Amino acid sequence: MEPMGISQSKLARDIDVPVTRINNIIKHHRSISPDTALRLGKYFNINPRWWMNMQNQYDLELAEDEGWKITEDRIRTFSMAS
């Protein structure tokens, strides 16, 4: 945001949310909610679904990094009985 000249407090004011919400998202302490995605979408003129897709992609990568490989070995693959 800094390269665009937008501070956390300016963004928070402009999209009408507490600055703590923006700060927590940046610090990865909070996910982008649908409400925040709608606000960011309007502010940056980007489809809100893009923000949600980015959040989902990040969440999936995080889950894979947090031990999915261990769990994956314990899950059976479904197959249709012949």
C-alpha atoms as a PDB file:
ATOM      1  CA  MET A   1       0.000   0.000   0.000  1.00  0.00           C
ATOM      2  CA  GLU A   2       2.872   2.353   0.707  1.00  0.00           C
ATOM      3  CA  PRO A   3       4.012   2.490  -2.954  1.00  0.00           C
ATOM      4  CA  MET A   4       0.523   3.817  -3.752  1.00  0.00           C
ATOM      5  CA  GLY A   5       0.735   6.381  -0.954  1.00  0.00           C
ATOM      6  CA  ILE A   6      -2.016   4.759   1.096  1.00  0.00           C
ATOM      7  CA  SER A   7      -1.522   4.371   4.831  1.00  0.00           C
ATOM      8  CA  GLN A   8      -3.429   1.861   6.912  1.00  0.00           C
ATOM      9  CA  SER A   9      -5.322   4.670   8.610  1.00  0.00           C
ATOM     10  CA  LYS A  10      -6.270   6.308   5.288  1.00  0.00           C
ATOM     11  CA  LEU A  11      -7.508   3.010   3.869  1.00  0.00           C
ATOM     12  CA  ALA A  12      -9.473   2.277   7.039  1.00  0.00           C
ATOM     13  CA  ARG A  13     -11.093   5.730   6.953  1.00  0.00           C
ATOM     14  CA  ASP A  14     -11.859   5.516   3.245  1.00  0.00           C
ATOM     15  CA  ILE A  15     -13.544   2.104   3.468  1.00  0.00           C
ATOM     16  CA  ASP A  16     -15.167   2.859   6.856  1.00  0.00           C
ATOM     17  CA  VAL A  17     -13.584   0.122   8.984  1.00  0.00           C
ATOM     18  CA  PRO A  18     -11.456   0.248  12.133  1.00  0.00           C
ATOM     19  CA  VAL A  19      -7.737   0.642  11.439  1.00  0.00           C
ATOM     20  CA  THR A  20      -7.183  -2.473  13.559  1.00  0.00           C
ATOM     21  CA  ARG A  21      -8.986  -4.521  10.895  1.00  0.00           C
ATOM     22  CA  ILE A  22      -6.537  -3.386   8.211  1.00  0.00           C
ATOM     23  CA  ASN A  23      -3.557  -3.849  10.516  1.00  0.00           C
ATOM     24  CA  ASN A  24      -4.657  -7.364  11.488  1.00  0.00           C
ATOM     25  CA  ILE A  25      -5.147  -8.354   7.844  1.00  0.00           C
ATOM     26  CA  ILE A  26      -1.694  -7.076   6.930  1.00  0.00           C
ATOM     27  CA  LYS A  27      -0.133  -8.936   9.866  1.00  0.00           C
ATOM     28  CA  HIS A  28      -1.992 -12.154   8.898  1.00  0.00           C
ATOM     29  CA  HIS A  29      -3.961 -12.128  12.166  1.00  0.00           C
ATOM     30  CA  ARG A  30      -7.275 -11.773  10.348  1.00  0.00           C
ATOM     31  CA  SER A  31      -8.672 -13.029   7.066  1.00  0.00           C
ATOM     32  CA  ILE A  32     -10.325 -10.876   4.441  1.00  0.00           C
ATOM     33  CA  SER A  33     -14.039 -11.298   5.112  1.00  0.00           C
ATOM     34  CA  PRO A  34     -16.722 -10.946   2.446  1.00  0.00           C
ATOM     35  CA  ASP A  35     -17.582  -7.549   3.958  1.00  0.00           C
ATOM     36  CA  THR A  36     -13.979  -6.377   3.681  1.00  0.00           C
ATOM     37  CA  ALA A  37     -13.708  -7.819   0.160  1.00  0.00           C
ATOM     38  CA  LEU A  38     -16.737  -5.781  -0.912  1.00  0.00           C
ATOM     39  CA  ARG A  39     -15.262  -2.619   0.570  1.00  0.00           C
ATOM     40  CA  LEU A  40     -11.804  -3.204  -0.944  1.00  0.00           C
ATOM     41  CA  GLY A  41     -13.413  -4.081  -4.261  1.00  0.00           C
ATOM     42  CA  LYS A  42     -15.248  -0.784  -4.420  1.00  0.00           C
ATOM     43  CA  TYR A  43     -12.249   1.211  -3.183  1.00  0.00           C
ATOM     44  CA  PHE A  44      -9.725  -0.251  -5.623  1.00  0.00           C
ATOM     45  CA  ASN A  45     -12.273  -0.903  -8.406  1.00  0.00           C
ATOM     46  CA  ILE A  46     -11.412  -4.609  -8.342  1.00  0.00           C
ATOM     47  CA  ASN A  47     -13.997  -7.389  -8.305  1.00  0.00           C
ATOM     48  CA  PRO A  48     -14.593  -8.437  -4.662  1.00  0.00           C
ATOM     49  CA  ARG A  49     -14.312 -12.054  -5.782  1.00  0.00           C
ATOM     50  CA  TRP A  50     -10.633 -11.400  -6.553  1.00  0.00           C
ATOM     51  CA  TRP A  51     -10.059 -10.492  -2.899  1.00  0.00           C
ATOM     52  CA  MET A  52     -11.924 -13.603  -1.731  1.00  0.00           C
ATOM     53  CA  ASN A  53     -10.021 -15.809  -4.195  1.00  0.00           C
ATOM     54  CA  MET A  54      -6.721 -14.407  -2.928  1.00  0.00           C
ATOM     55  CA  GLN A  55      -7.781 -15.130   0.653  1.00  0.00           C
ATOM     56  CA  ASN A  56      -8.869 -18.674  -0.237  1.00  0.00           C
ATOM     57  CA  GLN A  57      -5.608 -19.317  -2.070  1.00  0.00           C
ATOM     58  CA  TYR A  58      -3.612 -18.060   0.928  1.00  0.00           C
ATOM     59  CA  ASP A  59      -5.678 -20.190   3.346  1.00  0.00           C
ATOM     60  CA  LEU A  60      -5.138 -23.300   1.214  1.00  0.00           C
ATOM     61  CA  GLU A  61      -1.379 -22.724   1.007  1.00  0.00           C
ATOM     62  CA  LEU A  62      -1.286 -22.199   4.758  1.00  0.00           C
ATOM     63  CA  ALA A  63      -3.167 -25.459   5.351  1.00  0.00           C
ATOM     64  CA  GLU A  64      -0.753 -27.329   3.081  1.00  0.00           C
ATOM     65  CA  ASP A  65       2.197 -25.884   4.980  1.00  0.00           C
ATOM     66  CA  GLU A  66       0.694 -26.796   8.355  1.00  0.00           C
ATOM     67  CA  GLY A  67       0.868 -30.552   8.072  1.00  0.00           C
ATOM     68  CA  TRP A  68      -1.455 -31.471   5.221  1.00  0.00           C
ATOM     69  CA  LYS A  69       1.199 -33.894   3.945  1.00  0.00           C
ATOM     70  CA  ILE A  70       0.929 -35.881   7.189  1.00  0.00           C
ATOM     71  CA  THR A  71      -2.879 -35.930   7.119  1.00  0.00           C
ATOM     72  CA  GLU A  72      -3.005 -36.695   3.401  1.00  0.00           C
ATOM     73  CA  ASP A  73      -1.456 -40.130   3.950  1.00  0.00           C
ATOM     74  CA  ARG A  74      -4.332 -41.085   6.263  1.00  0.00           C
ATOM     75  CA  ILE A  75      -7.111 -40.247   3.792  1.00  0.00           C
ATOM     76  CA  ARG A  76      -8.394 -42.908   1.444  1.00  0.00           C
ATOM     77  CA  THR A  77      -9.341 -42.064  -2.130  1.00  0.00           C
ATOM     78  CA  PHE A  78     -12.949 -42.782  -3.097  1.00  0.00           C
ATOM     79  CA  SER A  79     -13.493 -45.245  -5.917  1.00  0.00           C
ATOM     80  CA  MET A  80     -16.700 -46.586  -7.410  1.00  0.00           C
ATOM     81  CA  ALA A  81     -17.293 -50.288  -6.782  1.00  0.00           C
ATOM     82  CA  SER A  82     -17.481 -52.308  -9.989  1.00  0.00           C
END
